[in-house]
C-alpha atoms as a PDB file:
ATOM      1  CA  MET A   1     193.454 170.079  42.338  1.00  0.00           C
ATOM      2  CA  ALA A   2     192.902 172.941  39.943  1.00  0.00           C
ATOM      3  CA  GLN A   3     192.688 170.542  37.014  1.00  0.00           C
ATOM      4  CA  SER A   4     190.247 168.328  38.894  1.00  0.00           C
ATOM      5  CA  GLY A   5     187.956 171.277  39.658  1.00  0.00           C
ATOM      6  CA  LEU A   6     188.140 172.414  36.048  1.00  0.00           C
ATOM      7  CA  GLU A   7     187.094 168.992  34.806  1.00  0.00           C
ATOM      8  CA  THR A   8     184.162 168.941  37.238  1.00  0.00           C
ATOM      9  CA  THR A   9     182.989 172.319  36.000  1.00  0.00           C
ATOM     10  CA  PHE A  10     183.269 171.128  32.383  1.00  0.00           C
ATOM     11  CA  HIS A  11     181.177 168.066  33.082  1.00  0.00           C
ATOM     12  CA  LEU A  12     178.541 170.189  34.837  1.00  0.00           C
ATOM     13  CA  ILE A  13     178.340 172.525  31.855  1.00  0.00           C
ATOM     14  CA  GLU A  14     178.147 169.591  29.463  1.00  0.00           C
ATOM     15  CA  SER A  15     175.397 167.900  31.438  1.00  0.00           C
ATOM     16  CA  ARG A  16     173.145 170.971  31.479  1.00  0.00           C
ATOM     17  CA  GLY A  17     171.611 169.776  28.206  1.00  0.00           C
ATOM     18  CA  HIS A  18     170.725 166.447  29.845  1.00  0.00           C
ATOM     19  CA  ASP A  19     168.608 165.420  32.773  1.00  0.00           C
ATOM     20  CA  CYS A  20     168.485 162.192  34.715  1.00  0.00           C
ATOM     21  CA  THR A  21     164.709 162.396  34.957  1.00  0.00           C
ATOM     22  CA  PRO A  22     162.925 162.732  31.584  1.00  0.00           C
ATOM     23  CA  PRO A  23     159.387 164.170  31.383  1.00  0.00           C
ATOM     24  CA  ALA A  24     156.537 161.886  32.389  1.00  0.00           C
ATOM     25  CA  TYR A  25     155.251 161.600  28.824  1.00  0.00           C
ATOM     26  CA  PHE A  26     158.651 160.613  27.400  1.00  0.00           C
ATOM     27  CA  GLY A  27     158.332 156.891  28.132  1.00  0.00           C
ATOM     28  CA  GLU A  28     154.745 156.679  26.908  1.00  0.00           C
ATOM     29  CA  ALA A  29     155.520 158.592  23.708  1.00  0.00           C
ATOM     30  CA  LEU A  30     158.505 156.345  23.066  1.00  0.00           C
ATOM     31  CA  GLN A  31     156.414 153.199  23.511  1.00  0.00           C
ATOM     32  CA  ASP A  32     153.715 154.552  21.177  1.00  0.00           C
ATOM     33  CA  ALA A  33     156.280 155.405  18.521  1.00  0.00           C
ATOM     34  CA  GLU A  34     157.916 151.986  18.780  1.00  0.00           C
ATOM     35  CA  ARG A  35     154.526 150.286  18.612  1.00  0.00           C
ATOM     36  CA  LEU A  36     153.620 152.173  15.435  1.00  0.00           C
ATOM     37  CA  LEU A  37     157.040 151.505  13.961  1.00  0.00           C
ATOM     38  CA  LYS A  38     156.671 147.779  14.655  1.00  0.00           C
ATOM     39  CA  TYR A  39     153.193 147.732  13.065  1.00  0.00           C
ATOM     40  CA  ALA A  40     154.554 149.460   9.947  1.00  0.00           C
ATOM     41  CA  ALA A  41     157.298 146.836   9.689  1.00  0.00           C
ATOM     42  CA  GLU A  42     154.807 143.966  10.095  1.00  0.00           C
ATOM     43  CA  THR A  43     152.430 145.303   7.447  1.00  0.00           C
ATOM     44  CA  GLY A  44     155.119 146.308   4.959  1.00  0.00           C
ATOM     45  CA  ILE A  45     154.566 150.057   5.151  1.00  0.00           C
ATOM     46  CA  GLU A  46     157.754 151.930   4.298  1.00  0.00           C
ATOM     47  CA  ILE A  47     158.909 154.526   6.807  1.00  0.00           C
ATOM     48  CA  GLU A  48     161.611 157.105   6.150  1.00  0.00           C
ATOM     49  CA  ASP A  49     165.000 156.392   7.684  1.00  0.00           C
ATOM     50  CA  ASN A  50     165.120 159.653   9.579  1.00  0.00           C
ATOM     51  CA  ILE A  51     161.834 158.851  11.356  1.00  0.00           C
ATOM     52  CA  ARG A  52     163.084 155.395  12.295  1.00  0.00           C
ATOM     53  CA  ASN A  53     166.441 156.792  13.453  1.00  0.00           C
ATOM     54  CA  ASP A  54     164.770 159.438  15.611  1.00  0.00           C
ATOM     55  CA  VAL A  55     162.771 156.759  17.431  1.00  0.00           C
ATOM     56  CA  LEU A  56     165.830 154.541  17.890  1.00  0.00           C
ATOM     57  CA  GLN A  57     167.914 157.451  19.145  1.00  0.00           C
ATOM     58  CA  ALA A  58     165.178 158.277  21.641  1.00  0.00           C
ATOM     59  CA  ARG A  59     165.370 154.701  22.950  1.00  0.00           C
ATOM     60  CA  THR A  60     169.142 155.057  23.338  1.00  0.00           C
ATOM     61  CA  ALA A  61     168.757 158.455  24.979  1.00  0.00           C
ATOM     62  CA  GLY A  62     166.332 156.908  27.453  1.00  0.00           C
ATOM     63  CA  THR A  63     169.233 155.009  28.996  1.00  0.00           C
ATOM     64  CA  LEU A  64     172.163 157.390  28.387  1.00  0.00           C
ATOM     65  CA  GLY A  65     170.405 160.689  29.001  1.00  0.00           C
ATOM     66  CA  TRP A  66     167.886 162.729  27.124  1.00  0.00           C
ATOM     67  CA  SER A  67     167.843 166.225  25.711  1.00  0.00           C
ATOM     68  CA  GLU A  68     165.209 168.621  24.486  1.00  0.00           C
ATOM     69  CA  GLU A  69     166.316 167.956  20.928  1.00  0.00           C
ATOM     70  CA  THR A  70     165.818 164.219  21.410  1.00  0.00           C
ATOM     71  CA  ILE A  71     162.286 164.712  22.745  1.00  0.00           C
ATOM     72  CA  ALA A  72     161.426 167.116  19.930  1.00  0.00           C
ATOM     73  CA  LYS A  73     162.600 164.633  17.325  1.00  0.00           C
ATOM     74  CA  LEU A  74     160.673 161.812  19.032  1.00  0.00           C
ATOM     75  CA  LEU A  75     157.428 163.801  19.079  1.00  0.00           C
ATOM     76  CA  ALA A  76     157.914 164.796  15.452  1.00  0.00           C
ATOM     77  CA  ALA A  77     158.508 161.146  14.506  1.00  0.00           C
ATOM     78  CA  LEU A  78     155.431 160.097  16.457  1.00  0.00           C
ATOM     79  CA  THR A  79     153.336 162.712  14.644  1.00  0.00           C
ATOM     80  CA  LYS A  80     154.543 161.527  11.236  1.00  0.00           C
ATOM     81  CA  LEU A  81     153.961 157.876  12.125  1.00  0.00           C
ATOM     82  CA  SER A  82     150.424 158.632  13.339  1.00  0.00           C
ATOM     83  CA  THR A  83     149.634 160.505  10.140  1.00  0.00           C
ATOM     84  CA  ARG A  84     151.125 157.793   7.927  1.00  0.00           C
ATOM     85  CA  LEU A  85     149.337 154.861   9.624  1.00  0.00           C
ATOM     86  CA  LYS A  86     145.975 156.536  10.229  1.00  0.00           C
ATOM     87  CA  PRO A  87     143.303 155.248  11.153  1.00  0.00           C
ATOM     88  CA  VAL A  88     145.557 152.850  13.079  1.00  0.00           C
ATOM     89  CA  THR A  89     146.834 154.538  16.220  1.00  0.00           C
ATOM     90  CA  ALA A  90     149.126 153.580  19.043  1.00  0.00           C
ATOM     91  CA  GLU A  91     146.119 153.404  21.344  1.00  0.00           C
ATOM     92  CA  SER A  92     144.258 151.039  18.988  1.00  0.00           C
ATOM     93  CA  LEU A  93     147.309 148.787  18.662  1.00  0.00           C
ATOM     94  CA  LYS A  94     147.557 148.616  22.419  1.00  0.00           C
ATOM     95  CA  ALA A  95     143.829 147.936  22.816  1.00  0.00           C
ATOM     96  CA  CYS A  96     143.867 145.176  20.193  1.00  0.00           C
ATOM     97  CA  GLY A  97     146.210 143.184  22.370  1.00  0.00           C
ATOM     98  CA  ASN A  98     143.781 143.309  25.296  1.00  0.00           C
ATOM     99  CA  THR A  99     141.260 140.442  25.283  1.00  0.00           C
ATOM    100  CA  ALA A 100     139.336 141.681  28.327  1.00  0.00           C
ATOM    101  CA  THR A 101     136.915 143.675  26.164  1.00  0.00           C
ATOM    102  CA  VAL A 102     135.807 140.826  23.946  1.00  0.00           C
ATOM    103  CA  ARG A 103     135.646 138.569  26.997  1.00  0.00           C
ATOM    104  CA  SER A 104     133.232 140.985  28.684  1.00  0.00           C
ATOM    105  CA  TYR A 105     131.046 141.031  25.553  1.00  0.00           C
ATOM    106  CA  TRP A 106     130.997 137.235  25.488  1.00  0.00           C
ATOM    107  CA  ILE A 107     130.030 137.128  29.158  1.00  0.00           C
ATOM    108  CA  TRP A 108     127.194 139.572  28.506  1.00  0.00           C
ATOM    109  CA  ALA A 109     125.980 137.522  25.552  1.00  0.00           C
ATOM    110  CA  MET A 110     126.154 134.250  27.503  1.00  0.00           C
ATOM    111  CA  TRP A 111     124.189 135.605  30.462  1.00  0.00           C
ATOM    112  CA  LEU A 112     121.574 137.093  28.154  1.00  0.00           C
ATOM    113  CA  ALA A 113     121.284 133.772  26.314  1.00  0.00           C
ATOM    114  CA  ILE A 114     120.839 131.962  29.640  1.00  0.00           C
ATOM    115  CA  PHE A 115     117.834 134.153  30.438  1.00  0.00           C
ATOM    116  CA  ILE A 116     116.444 134.611  26.933  1.00  0.00           C
ATOM    117  CA  GLY A 117     116.562 130.937  25.924  1.00  0.00           C
ATOM    118  CA  PRO A 118     114.297 129.449  28.627  1.00  0.00           C
ATOM    119  CA  PHE A 119     111.932 132.441  28.658  1.00  0.00           C
ATOM    120  CA  SER A 120     111.593 132.431  24.875  1.00  0.00           C
ATOM    121  CA  VAL A 121     110.976 128.678  24.728  1.00  0.00           C
ATOM    122  CA  ALA A 122     108.445 128.865  27.569  1.00  0.00           C
ATOM    123  CA  SER A 123     106.686 131.820  25.952  1.00  0.00           C
ATOM    124  CA  PHE A 124     106.526 130.055  22.580  1.00  0.00           C
ATOM    125  CA  LEU A 125     105.257 126.778  24.054  1.00  0.00           C
ATOM    126  CA  THR A 126     102.654 128.374  26.298  1.00  0.00           C
ATOM    127  CA  SER A 127     101.400 130.478  23.401  1.00  0.00           C
ATOM    128  CA  ALA A 128     101.074 127.439  21.120  1.00  0.00           C
ATOM    129  CA  ILE A 129      99.418 125.299  23.815  1.00  0.00           C
ATOM    130  CA  SER A 130      97.042 128.118  24.784  1.00  0.00           C
ATOM    131  CA  ASP A 131      95.918 128.559  21.175  1.00  0.00           C
ATOM    132  CA  ALA A 132      95.277 124.818  20.881  1.00  0.00           C
ATOM    133  CA  VAL A 133      93.294 124.801  24.135  1.00  0.00           C
ATOM    134  CA  ARG A 134      91.125 127.685  22.978  1.00  0.00           C
ATOM    135  CA  LYS A 135      90.357 125.907  19.712  1.00  0.00           C
ATOM    136  CA  ASP A 136      89.539 122.676  21.542  1.00  0.00           C
ATOM    137  CA  ILE A 137      87.239 124.493  23.955  1.00  0.00           C
ATOM    138  CA  ALA A 138      85.384 126.084  21.046  1.00  0.00           C
ATOM    139  CA  THR A 139      85.049 122.653  19.404  1.00  0.00           C
ATOM    140  CA  ALA A 140      83.876 121.013  22.629  1.00  0.00           C
ATOM    141  CA  ASN A 141      81.339 123.765  23.245  1.00  0.00           C
ATOM    142  CA  ASP A 142      79.844 123.233  19.796  1.00  0.00           C
ATOM    143  CA  LEU A 143      79.696 119.452  20.316  1.00  0.00           C
ATOM    144  CA  ALA A 144      78.086 119.833  23.734  1.00  0.00           C
ATOM    145  CA  VAL A 145      75.347 122.033  22.304  1.00  0.00           C
ATOM    146  CA  LYS A 146      74.875 119.789  19.280  1.00  0.00           C
ATOM    147  CA  LEU A 147      74.618 116.582  21.294  1.00  0.00           C
ATOM    148  CA  ARG A 148      72.214 118.137  23.755  1.00  0.00           C
ATOM    149  CA  ALA A 149      69.998 119.357  20.934  1.00  0.00           C
ATOM    150  CA  GLN A 150      70.060 115.961  19.231  1.00  0.00           C
ATOM    151  CA  LEU A 151      69.705 113.661  22.243  1.00  0.00           C
ATOM    152  CA  GLY A 152      67.890 115.781  24.805  1.00  0.00           C
ATOM    153  CA  PRO A 153      68.193 115.231  28.592  1.00  0.00           C
ATOM    154  CA  PRO A 154      69.230 111.807  29.910  1.00  0.00           C
ATOM    155  CA  VAL A 155      66.173 109.614  30.615  1.00  0.00           C
ATOM    156  CA  LYS A 156      65.663 105.927  31.256  1.00  0.00           C
ATOM    157  CA  PRO A 157      64.934 104.129  29.116  1.00  0.00           C
ATOM    158  CA  SER A 158      66.792 106.067  26.428  1.00  0.00           C
ATOM    159  CA  SER A 159      64.740 108.063  23.963  1.00  0.00           C
ATOM    160  CA  PRO A 160      64.775 107.029  20.300  1.00  0.00           C
ATOM    161  CA  LEU A 161      67.090 108.929  18.013  1.00  0.00           C
ATOM    162  CA  PRO A 162      65.576 111.703  15.888  1.00  0.00           C
ATOM    163  CA  SER A 163      64.808 110.848  12.313  1.00  0.00           C
ATOM    164  CA  GLY A 164      67.753 111.221   9.983  1.00  0.00           C
ATOM    165  CA  LEU A 165      70.266 110.536  12.773  1.00  0.00           C
ATOM    166  CA  THR A 166      71.977 107.154  12.971  1.00  0.00           C
ATOM    167  CA  GLU A 167      73.766 105.503  15.876  1.00  0.00           C
ATOM    168  CA  GLY A 168      77.021 105.672  13.952  1.00  0.00           C
ATOM    169  CA  ASP A 169      76.751 109.456  13.667  1.00  0.00           C
ATOM    170  CA  VAL A 170      76.029 109.833  17.394  1.00  0.00           C
ATOM    171  CA  ILE A 171      78.858 107.526  18.441  1.00  0.00           C
ATOM    172  CA  THR A 172      81.265 109.406  16.184  1.00  0.00           C
ATOM    173  CA  GLU A 173      80.235 112.720  17.730  1.00  0.00           C
ATOM    174  CA  LEU A 174      80.507 111.293  21.252  1.00  0.00           C
ATOM    175  CA  GLN A 175      83.975 109.931  20.522  1.00  0.00           C
ATOM    176  CA  GLN A 176      85.049 113.287  19.140  1.00  0.00           C
ATOM    177  CA  TYR A 177      83.584 114.983  22.219  1.00  0.00           C
ATOM    178  CA  ALA A 178      85.444 112.685  24.623  1.00  0.00           C
ATOM    179  CA  SER A 179      88.659 112.980  22.620  1.00  0.00           C
ATOM    180  CA  THR A 180      88.481 116.774  22.670  1.00  0.00           C
ATOM    181  CA  ILE A 181      87.911 116.760  26.435  1.00  0.00           C
ATOM    182  CA  ARG A 182      90.979 114.564  26.932  1.00  0.00           C
ATOM    183  CA  SER A 183      92.993 116.880  24.693  1.00  0.00           C
ATOM    184  CA  ILE A 184      91.945 119.931  26.721  1.00  0.00           C
ATOM    185  CA  ASP A 185      92.777 118.140  29.962  1.00  0.00           C
ATOM    186  CA  GLY A 186      96.211 117.048  28.741  1.00  0.00           C
ATOM    187  CA  ARG A 187      97.166 120.488  27.450  1.00  0.00           C
ATOM    188  CA  ALA A 188      95.850 122.150  30.607  1.00  0.00           C
ATOM    189  CA  ARG A 189      98.126 119.931  32.673  1.00  0.00           C
ATOM    190  CA  GLN A 190     101.031 120.986  30.457  1.00  0.00           C
ATOM    191  CA  LEU A 191     100.219 124.647  31.071  1.00  0.00           C
ATOM    192  CA  ASN A 192     100.062 123.966  34.804  1.00  0.00           C
ATOM    193  CA  VAL A 193     103.724 122.949  34.677  1.00  0.00           C
ATOM    194  CA  PHE A 194     104.698 126.355  33.256  1.00  0.00           C
ATOM    195  CA  VAL A 195     102.975 128.148  36.148  1.00  0.00           C
ATOM    196  CA  PHE A 196     104.554 125.760  38.669  1.00  0.00           C
ATOM    197  CA  TYR A 197     101.293 123.935  39.421  1.00  0.00           C
ATOM    198  CA  TYR A 198      99.609 127.111  40.576  1.00  0.00           C
ATOM    199  CA  GLU A 199      96.113 125.767  39.758  1.00  0.00           C
ATOM    200  CA  ARG A 200      94.655 122.776  41.574  1.00  0.00           C
ATOM    201  CA  ASP A 201      93.987 119.784  39.344  1.00  0.00           C
ATOM    202  CA  PRO A 202      90.297 118.813  39.747  1.00  0.00           C
ATOM    203  CA  PHE A 203      91.154 115.203  38.941  1.00  0.00           C
ATOM    204  CA  GLY A 204      94.361 115.068  40.953  1.00  0.00           C
ATOM    205  CA  GLY A 205      92.927 112.438  43.267  1.00  0.00           C
ATOM    206  CA  ILE A 206      92.457 109.853  40.496  1.00  0.00           C
ATOM    207  CA  ARG A 207      95.521 110.517  38.319  1.00  0.00           C
ATOM    208  CA  ARG A 208      97.402 107.563  39.802  1.00  0.00           C
ATOM    209  CA  ASP A 209      94.511 105.149  39.267  1.00  0.00           C
ATOM    210  CA  PRO A 210      94.377 104.184  35.561  1.00  0.00           C
ATOM    211  CA  ALA A 211      90.989 102.472  35.983  1.00  0.00           C
ATOM    212  CA  LYS A 212      89.325 105.584  37.398  1.00  0.00           C
ATOM    213  CA  VAL A 213      90.977 107.800  34.809  1.00  0.00           C
ATOM    214  CA  HIS A 214      89.708 105.507  32.050  1.00  0.00           C
ATOM    215  CA  ALA A 215      86.190 105.474  33.477  1.00  0.00           C
ATOM    216  CA  THR A 216      86.172 109.280  33.769  1.00  0.00           C
ATOM    217  CA  PHE A 217      87.554 110.308  30.382  1.00  0.00           C
ATOM    218  CA  GLN A 218      86.524 107.404  28.154  1.00  0.00           C
ATOM    219  CA  LEU A 219      83.117 106.422  26.805  1.00  0.00           C
ATOM    220  CA  PRO A 220      81.690 103.293  28.424  1.00  0.00           C
ATOM    221  CA  ALA A 221      81.865 100.101  26.395  1.00  0.00           C
ATOM    222  CA  GLY A 222      78.598  99.006  24.789  1.00  0.00           C
ATOM    223  CA  LEU A 223      76.756 102.309  24.739  1.00  0.00           C
ATOM    224  CA  LEU A 224      73.051 101.886  25.421  1.00  0.00           C
ATOM    225  CA  ASN A 225      71.954 105.344  26.507  1.00  0.00           C
ATOM    226  CA  PHE A 226      73.559 108.009  24.309  1.00  0.00           C
ATOM    227  CA  ALA A 227      72.017 110.941  26.188  1.00  0.00           C
ATOM    228  CA  GLU A 228      73.317 109.648  29.504  1.00  0.00           C
ATOM    229  CA  ALA A 229      76.815 109.154  28.078  1.00  0.00           C
ATOM    230  CA  ALA A 230      76.801 112.661  26.617  1.00  0.00           C
ATOM    231  CA  ASN A 231      75.648 114.128  29.942  1.00  0.00           C
ATOM    232  CA  ALA A 232      78.409 112.273  31.830  1.00  0.00           C
ATOM    233  CA  GLN A 233      81.015 113.651  29.445  1.00  0.00           C
ATOM    234  CA  THR A 234      79.568 117.141  29.833  1.00  0.00           C
ATOM    235  CA  VAL A 235      79.960 116.960  33.630  1.00  0.00           C
ATOM    236  CA  VAL A 236      83.625 116.031  33.157  1.00  0.00           C
ATOM    237  CA  TYR A 237      84.022 118.711  30.528  1.00  0.00           C
ATOM    238  CA  GLN A 238      82.782 121.457  32.815  1.00  0.00           C
ATOM    239  CA  ASP A 239      85.516 120.704  35.368  1.00  0.00           C
ATOM    240  CA  VAL A 240      88.153 120.364  32.642  1.00  0.00           C
ATOM    241  CA  ARG A 241      87.090 123.619  31.009  1.00  0.00           C
ATOM    242  CA  TYR A 242      87.155 125.531  34.293  1.00  0.00           C
ATOM    243  CA  PHE A 243      90.638 124.161  35.011  1.00  0.00           C
ATOM    244  CA  ALA A 244      91.873 125.056  31.523  1.00  0.00           C
ATOM    245  CA  GLN A 245      90.384 128.546  31.443  1.00  0.00           C
ATOM    246  CA  ASN A 246      91.978 129.430  34.782  1.00  0.00           C
ATOM    247  CA  LEU A 247      95.326 128.282  33.436  1.00  0.00           C
ATOM    248  CA  LEU A 248      94.855 130.314  30.265  1.00  0.00           C
ATOM    249  CA  GLU A 249      94.382 133.429  32.388  1.00  0.00           C
ATOM    250  CA  ASP A 250      97.434 132.623  34.534  1.00  0.00           C
ATOM    251  CA  VAL A 251      99.647 131.977  31.527  1.00  0.00           C
ATOM    252  CA  SER A 252      98.394 135.097  29.768  1.00  0.00           C
ATOM    253  CA  PHE A 253      99.182 137.187  32.844  1.00  0.00           C
ATOM    254  CA  PHE A 254     102.644 135.841  33.699  1.00  0.00           C
ATOM    255  CA  TYR A 255     104.067 135.070  30.267  1.00  0.00           C
ATOM    256  CA  GLY A 256     102.306 138.001  28.663  1.00  0.00           C
ATOM    257  CA  ALA A 257     104.139 140.307  31.061  1.00  0.00           C
ATOM    258  CA  ILE A 258     107.447 138.552  30.337  1.00  0.00           C
ATOM    259  CA  THR A 259     106.938 138.723  26.572  1.00  0.00           C
ATOM    260  CA  SER A 260     105.852 142.356  26.591  1.00  0.00           C
ATOM    261  CA  CYS A 261     108.147 143.856  29.232  1.00  0.00           C
ATOM    262  CA  ILE A 262     111.199 141.680  29.904  1.00  0.00           C
ATOM    263  CA  LEU A 263     112.038 139.827  26.703  1.00  0.00           C
ATOM    264  CA  PRO A 264     112.121 142.945  24.452  1.00  0.00           C
ATOM    265  CA  VAL A 265     114.700 144.535  26.756  1.00  0.00           C
ATOM    266  CA  LEU A 266     116.799 141.343  26.828  1.00  0.00           C
ATOM    267  CA  TYR A 267     116.608 140.955  23.049  1.00  0.00           C
ATOM    268  CA  ALA A 268     117.652 144.584  22.596  1.00  0.00           C
ATOM    269  CA  LEU A 269     120.668 144.000  24.860  1.00  0.00           C
ATOM    270  CA  LEU A 270     121.487 140.852  22.895  1.00  0.00           C
ATOM    271  CA  GLY A 271     121.323 142.878  19.680  1.00  0.00           C
ATOM    272  CA  THR A 272     123.781 145.355  21.184  1.00  0.00           C
ATOM    273  CA  CYS A 273     126.147 142.500  22.053  1.00  0.00           C
ATOM    274  CA  ALA A 274     125.895 141.223  18.479  1.00  0.00           C
ATOM    275  CA  TYR A 275     126.676 144.681  17.103  1.00  0.00           C
ATOM    276  CA  LEU A 276     129.635 145.234  19.422  1.00  0.00           C
ATOM    277  CA  LEU A 277     131.077 141.784  18.711  1.00  0.00           C
ATOM    278  CA  ARG A 278     130.747 142.341  14.963  1.00  0.00           C
ATOM    279  CA  SER A 279     132.320 145.807  15.261  1.00  0.00           C
ATOM    280  CA  PHE A 280     135.049 144.363  17.467  1.00  0.00           C
ATOM    281  CA  GLU A 281     135.822 141.728  14.851  1.00  0.00           C
ATOM    282  CA  ASP A 282     136.095 144.316  12.075  1.00  0.00           C
ATOM    283  CA  GLN A 283     138.183 146.701  14.162  1.00  0.00           C
ATOM    284  CA  ILE A 284     140.525 143.952  15.342  1.00  0.00           C
ATOM    285  CA  ARG A 285     141.102 142.909  11.736  1.00  0.00           C
ATOM    286  CA  THR A 286     141.944 146.489  10.754  1.00  0.00           C
ATOM    287  CA  ARG A 287     143.719 147.166  14.089  1.00  0.00           C
ATOM    288  CA  THR A 288     141.562 150.231  14.735  1.00  0.00           C
ATOM    289  CA  PHE A 289     139.778 149.106  17.910  1.00  0.00           C
ATOM    290  CA  THR A 290     139.783 151.454  20.890  1.00  0.00           C
ATOM    291  CA  SER A 291     137.817 150.950  24.073  1.00  0.00           C
ATOM    292  CA  SER A 292     135.141 153.573  24.611  1.00  0.00           C
ATOM    293  CA  ILE A 293     132.795 154.411  27.447  1.00  0.00           C
ATOM    294  CA  ALA A 294     130.140 154.989  24.784  1.00  0.00           C
ATOM    295  CA  ASN A 295     129.762 151.200  24.490  1.00  0.00           C
ATOM    296  CA  SER A 296     128.429 151.078  28.052  1.00  0.00           C
ATOM    297  CA  ALA A 297     125.961 153.844  27.266  1.00  0.00           C
ATOM    298  CA  ARG A 298     124.845 151.868  24.200  1.00  0.00           C
ATOM    299  CA  PHE A 299     123.569 149.075  26.462  1.00  0.00           C
ATOM    300  CA  LEU A 300     121.436 151.555  28.416  1.00  0.00           C
ATOM    301  CA  ILE A 301     120.086 153.096  25.219  1.00  0.00           C
ATOM    302  CA  ALA A 302     119.265 149.631  23.849  1.00  0.00           C
ATOM    303  CA  ALA A 303     117.418 148.734  27.058  1.00  0.00           C
ATOM    304  CA  ILE A 304     115.315 151.891  26.771  1.00  0.00           C
ATOM    305  CA  GLY A 305     114.576 151.154  23.112  1.00  0.00           C
ATOM    306  CA  GLY A 306     113.617 147.555  23.931  1.00  0.00           C
ATOM    307  CA  ALA A 307     111.255 148.730  26.658  1.00  0.00           C
ATOM    308  CA  VAL A 308     109.608 151.134  24.198  1.00  0.00           C
ATOM    309  CA  VAL A 309     109.239 148.433  21.545  1.00  0.00           C
ATOM    310  CA  GLY A 310     107.530 146.174  24.086  1.00  0.00           C
ATOM    311  CA  LEU A 311     104.650 148.646  24.226  1.00  0.00           C
ATOM    312  CA  PHE A 312     103.698 147.963  20.613  1.00  0.00           C
ATOM    313  CA  ASN A 313     102.178 144.968  18.857  1.00  0.00           C
ATOM    314  CA  ASN A 314     103.448 143.520  15.588  1.00  0.00           C
ATOM    315  CA  PHE A 315     105.071 146.058  13.255  1.00  0.00           C
ATOM    316  CA  THR A 316     103.589 145.843   9.764  1.00  0.00           C
ATOM    317  CA  ILE A 317     106.080 146.239   6.937  1.00  0.00           C
ATOM    318  CA  THR A 318     103.751 145.428   4.060  1.00  0.00           C
ATOM    319  CA  GLN A 319     100.205 144.153   3.883  1.00  0.00           C
ATOM    320  CA  ALA A 320     101.485 140.578   3.805  1.00  0.00           C
ATOM    321  CA  ALA A 321     104.472 140.826   6.181  1.00  0.00           C
ATOM    322  CA  SER A 322     104.934 141.935   9.756  1.00  0.00           C
ATOM    323  CA  ILE A 323     107.723 141.667  12.329  1.00  0.00           C
ATOM    324  CA  PRO A 324     107.039 140.595  15.924  1.00  0.00           C
ATOM    325  CA  PRO A 325     108.164 142.953  18.717  1.00  0.00           C
ATOM    326  CA  LEU A 326     110.971 140.639  19.871  1.00  0.00           C
ATOM    327  CA  ALA A 327     112.589 140.735  16.434  1.00  0.00           C
ATOM    328  CA  ILE A 328     112.208 144.517  16.355  1.00  0.00           C
ATOM    329  CA  ALA A 329     113.778 144.700  19.833  1.00  0.00           C
ATOM    330  CA  PHE A 330     116.826 142.770  18.597  1.00  0.00           C
ATOM    331  CA  LEU A 331     117.149 145.106  15.608  1.00  0.00           C
ATOM    332  CA  VAL A 332     116.818 148.120  17.892  1.00  0.00           C
ATOM    333  CA  GLY A 333     119.689 146.840  20.033  1.00  0.00           C
ATOM    334  CA  TYR A 334     121.771 146.160  16.939  1.00  0.00           C
ATOM    335  CA  ALA A 335     121.125 149.586  15.405  1.00  0.00           C
ATOM    336  CA  VAL A 336     120.028 151.998  18.126  1.00  0.00           C
ATOM    337  CA  ASP A 337     120.950 154.982  15.951  1.00  0.00           C
ATOM    338  CA  VAL A 338     118.446 153.935  13.292  1.00  0.00           C
ATOM    339  CA  PHE A 339     115.692 153.471  15.870  1.00  0.00           C
ATOM    340  CA  PHE A 340     116.180 156.874  17.461  1.00  0.00           C
ATOM    341  CA  SER A 341     116.440 158.475  14.030  1.00  0.00           C
ATOM    342  CA  PHE A 342     113.045 156.912  13.329  1.00  0.00           C
ATOM    343  CA  LEU A 343     111.662 158.375  16.566  1.00  0.00           C
ATOM    344  CA  GLU A 344     113.064 161.803  15.748  1.00  0.00           C
ATOM    345  CA  GLY A 345     111.544 161.637  12.267  1.00  0.00           C
ATOM    346  CA  LEU A 346     108.223 160.635  13.778  1.00  0.00           C
ATOM    347  CA  LEU A 347     108.404 163.540  16.224  1.00  0.00           C
ATOM    348  CA  GLN A 348     109.180 165.945  13.396  1.00  0.00           C
ATOM    349  CA  ALA A 349     106.200 164.624  11.456  1.00  0.00           C
ATOM    350  CA  PHE A 350     103.907 165.294  14.432  1.00  0.00           C
ATOM    351  CA  THR A 351     105.409 168.740  14.923  1.00  0.00           C
ATOM    352  CA  LYS A 352     104.990 169.567  11.235  1.00  0.00           C
ATOM    353  CA  THR A 353     101.383 168.400  11.277  1.00  0.00           C
ATOM    354  CA  LYS A 354     100.659 170.510  14.354  1.00  0.00           C
ATOM    355  CA  GLY A 355     102.351 173.536  12.842  1.00  0.00           C
ATOM    356  CA  SER A 356     100.510 173.250   9.530  1.00  0.00           C
ATOM    357  CA  ALA A 357      97.095 173.056  11.178  1.00  0.00           C
ATOM    358  CA  SER A 358      95.257 176.339  10.696  1.00  0.00           C
ATOM    359  CA  PRO A 359      94.067 178.035  13.877  1.00  0.00           C
ATOM    360  CA  LEU A 360      90.368 178.381  14.492  1.00  0.00           C
ATOM    361  CA  THR A 361      88.953 181.674  13.304  1.00  0.00           C
ATOM    362  CA  PRO A 362      87.063 183.405  16.099  1.00  0.00           C
ATOM    363  CA  ALA A 363      83.433 184.133  15.359  1.00  0.00           C
ATOM    364  CA  LEU A 364      82.507 187.760  14.897  1.00  0.00           C
END
């Protein structure tokens, strides 16, 4: 009995240097040290034997029982490994194995592309069609005035042509007039699609009747009265022009707002996605990536910068080159630091100008 009690006391004294429950940070520190040690072995970086042995002994102590000396050696080994492998850290090695971050960036980029693609295409097409319609209207207006001045009002029988004007010249001008009217009508109908048929088509009732459409928009065969034919085309042109001009206003309102307010913000966010993906690629290659809440703030900053860029027109770089706002918005999202440095420099320039201005001298 006495010997049994003595042995129990000896084991209690011996176990005072050990504890069944290690500190909470022991397991995490051990995993970080092992992760760094594994990275050093994979990349061929030589590590001293004592550092390696301290980490391995800590792993063994994790199952057999730990001591303060074991933890101290583990923390010292972890410090040396972190210094040796810097800028690679245990946190970056752990983060590089997590694909959730890059997946979230890809999802952001895909959703932005889904919105940007159709809006950008629609904005580009409506802008090109609107410019063509405006040019055609200007051409048709000139032809209408010219034909009226040459032929006068429609009378029966037709008046003789002025001297110096041949039938061939008049027919050519009438054909150009009718062709321009058809061009305006066709492009106006295209614009109506982009505003979801918001404007009523003045010729909607005859669109399905090819004969009536031909009689309305084409010159009659065997022209006998040029003034009458020109007047008939002018009546059609007035309805076509009214239809087209209303659509130009609608497109300018809706797609102008999208191009000026929405697309710059989306392009800035897309630029941020491009920057983060590029940075992610570089950091994954060097195993230095760490997730940061600052990336979320970068999206908000890019959105603000894109909204500010949308307030401006084209940015002139040189006298012969300029960058449209959407391209600037993408660059702002890609490099928000540069944009805000530019704003700060601009603010300093205004402040300096205000400070250098001499105060008005009061009159005596």
